[in-house]
Amino acid sequence: MGPGDLVGTGALALGADLGGNATAVGASANVVVLGLAARNGTPISFWKFTRYGAIVAGPSVLLAAPYL
């Protein structure tokens, strides 16, 4: 495994992480939790989730960028 392989692996890991953090449909667990929240009387809209997700995903990209 060479240095180029680590860049590709890091890019894949970052992409997988951002999908789950940034949007409600980025990870199946998000969809399940949103369904449970709605069933229990606390619906969370797609845009509300994305607004908070962007707050988490933005710094994640900034922290990961130097490693890629």
N, C-alpha and C. Protein backbone atom coordinates (compact mmCIF):
# COMPACT_ATOMS: atom_id res chain seq x y z
N MET A 1 0.85 -1.17 0.00
CA MET A 1 0.00 0.00 0.00
C MET A 1 0.90 1.24 0.00
N GLY A 2 0.74 2.09 -0.99
CA GLY A 2 1.56 3.29 -1.11
C GLY A 2 0.82 4.54 -0.67
N PRO A 3 1.49 5.69 -0.72
CA PRO A 3 0.85 6.95 -0.30
C PRO A 3 -0.38 7.29 -1.14
N GLY A 4 -0.38 6.96 -2.41
CA GLY A 4 -1.54 7.24 -3.25
C GLY A 4 -2.78 6.47 -2.82
N ASP A 5 -2.57 5.27 -2.30
CA ASP A 5 -3.70 4.47 -1.82
C ASP A 5 -4.35 5.11 -0.61
N LEU A 6 -3.56 5.73 0.25
CA LEU A 6 -4.11 6.38 1.43
C LEU A 6 -4.96 7.58 1.07
N VAL A 7 -4.60 8.29 0.02
CA VAL A 7 -5.39 9.44 -0.41
C VAL A 7 -6.76 8.96 -0.88
N GLY A 8 -6.78 7.90 -1.69
CA GLY A 8 -8.05 7.37 -2.16
C GLY A 8 -8.91 6.84 -1.04
N THR A 9 -8.29 6.15 -0.10
CA THR A 9 -9.02 5.62 1.05
C THR A 9 -9.58 6.75 1.90
N GLY A 10 -8.78 7.77 2.10
CA GLY A 10 -9.24 8.92 2.87
C GLY A 10 -10.40 9.63 2.20
N ALA A 11 -10.33 9.75 0.88
CA ALA A 11 -11.42 10.39 0.14
C ALA A 11 -12.71 9.59 0.26
N LEU A 12 -12.61 8.27 0.18
CA LEU A 12 -13.80 7.43 0.34
C LEU A 12 -14.39 7.55 1.75
N ALA A 13 -13.52 7.56 2.74
CA ALA A 13 -14.00 7.68 4.13
C ALA A 13 -14.67 9.03 4.34
N LEU A 14 -14.09 10.09 3.81
CA LEU A 14 -14.68 11.41 3.95
C LEU A 14 -16.04 11.47 3.25
N GLY A 15 -16.13 10.91 2.06
CA GLY A 15 -17.40 10.90 1.34
C GLY A 15 -18.48 10.14 2.07
N ALA A 16 -18.12 9.02 2.64
CA ALA A 16 -19.10 8.23 3.40
C ALA A 16 -19.56 8.98 4.64
N ASP A 17 -18.65 9.67 5.27
CA ASP A 17 -18.99 10.44 6.47
C ASP A 17 -19.87 11.62 6.14
N LEU A 18 -19.55 12.34 5.09
CA LEU A 18 -20.32 13.53 4.74
C LEU A 18 -21.74 13.20 4.33
N GLY A 19 -21.92 12.11 3.64
CA GLY A 19 -23.27 11.72 3.24
C GLY A 19 -24.18 11.52 4.43
N GLY A 20 -23.67 10.91 5.45
CA GLY A 20 -24.47 10.67 6.65
C GLY A 20 -24.65 11.90 7.50
N ASN A 21 -23.69 12.80 7.48
CA ASN A 21 -23.79 14.01 8.30
C ASN A 21 -24.58 15.12 7.63
N ALA A 22 -24.46 15.26 6.35
CA ALA A 22 -24.99 16.43 5.68
C ALA A 22 -26.48 16.36 5.37
N THR A 23 -26.99 15.18 5.02
CA THR A 23 -28.40 15.11 4.62
C THR A 23 -29.12 13.97 5.34
N ALA A 24 -30.43 14.09 5.37
CA ALA A 24 -31.24 13.09 6.05
C ALA A 24 -31.24 11.75 5.32
N VAL A 25 -31.06 11.77 4.01
CA VAL A 25 -31.08 10.53 3.24
C VAL A 25 -29.69 9.99 2.95
N GLY A 26 -28.67 10.59 3.57
CA GLY A 26 -27.29 10.17 3.35
C GLY A 26 -26.94 8.86 4.02
N ALA A 27 -27.70 8.47 5.02
CA ALA A 27 -27.45 7.20 5.71
C ALA A 27 -28.79 6.62 6.14
N SER A 28 -28.89 5.32 6.07
CA SER A 28 -30.16 4.67 6.41
C SER A 28 -30.54 4.91 7.87
N ALA A 29 -29.55 5.04 8.75
CA ALA A 29 -29.86 5.30 10.16
C ALA A 29 -30.57 6.64 10.32
N ASN A 30 -30.22 7.62 9.51
CA ASN A 30 -30.89 8.92 9.58
C ASN A 30 -32.37 8.78 9.23
N VAL A 31 -32.67 8.02 8.20
CA VAL A 31 -34.05 7.82 7.78
C VAL A 31 -34.85 7.13 8.89
N VAL A 32 -34.25 6.15 9.52
CA VAL A 32 -34.92 5.44 10.62
C VAL A 32 -35.19 6.39 11.78
N VAL A 33 -34.20 7.16 12.17
CA VAL A 33 -34.37 8.08 13.31
C VAL A 33 -35.41 9.15 12.99
N LEU A 34 -35.42 9.66 11.77
CA LEU A 34 -36.44 10.66 11.41
C LEU A 34 -37.84 10.05 11.47
N GLY A 35 -37.96 8.80 11.04
CA GLY A 35 -39.25 8.12 11.14
C GLY A 35 -39.69 7.92 12.58
N LEU A 36 -38.75 7.53 13.43
CA LEU A 36 -39.07 7.35 14.86
C LEU A 36 -39.44 8.68 15.51
N ALA A 37 -38.72 9.73 15.16
CA ALA A 37 -39.01 11.05 15.72
C ALA A 37 -40.41 11.51 15.31
N ALA A 38 -40.76 11.31 14.04
CA ALA A 38 -42.08 11.71 13.56
C ALA A 38 -43.18 10.89 14.24
N ARG A 39 -42.93 9.61 14.42
CA ARG A 39 -43.93 8.75 15.06
C ARG A 39 -44.16 9.15 16.52
N ASN A 40 -43.13 9.69 17.15
CA ASN A 40 -43.24 10.09 18.56
C ASN A 40 -43.59 11.57 18.73
N GLY A 41 -44.04 12.21 17.65
CA GLY A 41 -44.54 13.57 17.77
C GLY A 41 -43.52 14.68 17.63
N THR A 42 -42.31 14.37 17.18
CA THR A 42 -41.29 15.40 16.99
C THR A 42 -40.75 15.29 15.56
N PRO A 43 -41.54 15.71 14.57
CA PRO A 43 -41.07 15.60 13.19
C PRO A 43 -39.89 16.53 12.93
N ILE A 44 -38.94 16.06 12.16
CA ILE A 44 -37.77 16.84 11.77
C ILE A 44 -37.77 16.88 10.24
N SER A 45 -37.85 18.08 9.68
CA SER A 45 -37.92 18.20 8.23
C SER A 45 -36.54 17.93 7.61
N PHE A 46 -36.58 17.62 6.32
CA PHE A 46 -35.34 17.39 5.58
C PHE A 46 -34.44 18.60 5.66
N TRP A 47 -35.00 19.80 5.48
CA TRP A 47 -34.19 21.02 5.46
C TRP A 47 -33.66 21.38 6.84
N LYS A 48 -34.43 21.09 7.87
CA LYS A 48 -33.92 21.35 9.23
C LYS A 48 -32.74 20.42 9.52
N PHE A 49 -32.85 19.17 9.15
CA PHE A 49 -31.75 18.22 9.33
C PHE A 49 -30.53 18.67 8.54
N THR A 50 -30.74 19.10 7.29
CA THR A 50 -29.64 19.53 6.44
C THR A 50 -28.97 20.78 6.99
N ARG A 51 -29.76 21.69 7.55
CA ARG A 51 -29.19 22.90 8.13
C ARG A 51 -28.23 22.57 9.27
N TYR A 52 -28.64 21.68 10.15
CA TYR A 52 -27.75 21.26 11.24
C TYR A 52 -26.62 20.37 10.72
N GLY A 53 -26.91 19.56 9.73
CA GLY A 53 -25.88 18.70 9.15
C GLY A 53 -24.77 19.49 8.50
N ALA A 54 -25.10 20.61 7.88
CA ALA A 54 -24.07 21.45 7.26
C ALA A 54 -23.13 22.02 8.31
N ILE A 55 -23.66 22.30 9.48
CA ILE A 55 -22.83 22.81 10.57
C ILE A 55 -21.80 21.77 10.98
N VAL A 56 -22.16 20.51 10.91
CA VAL A 56 -21.24 19.42 11.26
C VAL A 56 -20.32 19.07 10.09
N ALA A 57 -20.89 19.02 8.89
CA ALA A 57 -20.12 18.59 7.72
C ALA A 57 -19.07 19.62 7.31
N GLY A 58 -19.37 20.89 7.45
CA GLY A 58 -18.42 21.93 7.06
C GLY A 58 -17.08 21.80 7.78
N PRO A 59 -17.07 21.81 9.10
CA PRO A 59 -15.80 21.63 9.82
C PRO A 59 -15.14 20.28 9.54
N SER A 60 -15.92 19.26 9.27
CA SER A 60 -15.35 17.95 8.95
C SER A 60 -14.52 18.03 7.67
N VAL A 61 -15.02 18.73 6.68
CA VAL A 61 -14.28 18.90 5.44
C VAL A 61 -13.01 19.69 5.68
N LEU A 62 -13.12 20.77 6.46
CA LEU A 62 -11.94 21.59 6.74
C LEU A 62 -10.86 20.82 7.49
N LEU A 63 -11.27 19.96 8.41
CA LEU A 63 -10.31 19.17 9.16
C LEU A 63 -9.69 18.06 8.31
N ALA A 64 -10.46 17.49 7.41
CA ALA A 64 -9.98 16.37 6.61
C ALA A 64 -9.19 16.80 5.38
N ALA A 65 -9.43 18.00 4.87
CA ALA A 65 -8.80 18.45 3.62
C ALA A 65 -7.27 18.38 3.64
N PRO A 66 -6.60 18.79 4.70
CA PRO A 66 -5.13 18.72 4.67
C PRO A 66 -4.59 17.28 4.55
N TYR A 67 -5.36 16.31 4.98
CA TYR A 67 -4.92 14.92 4.92
C TYR A 67 -5.10 14.32 3.55
N LEU A 68 -5.95 14.94 2.73
CA LEU A 68 -6.18 14.41 1.39
C LEU A 68 -5.22 15.03 0.42
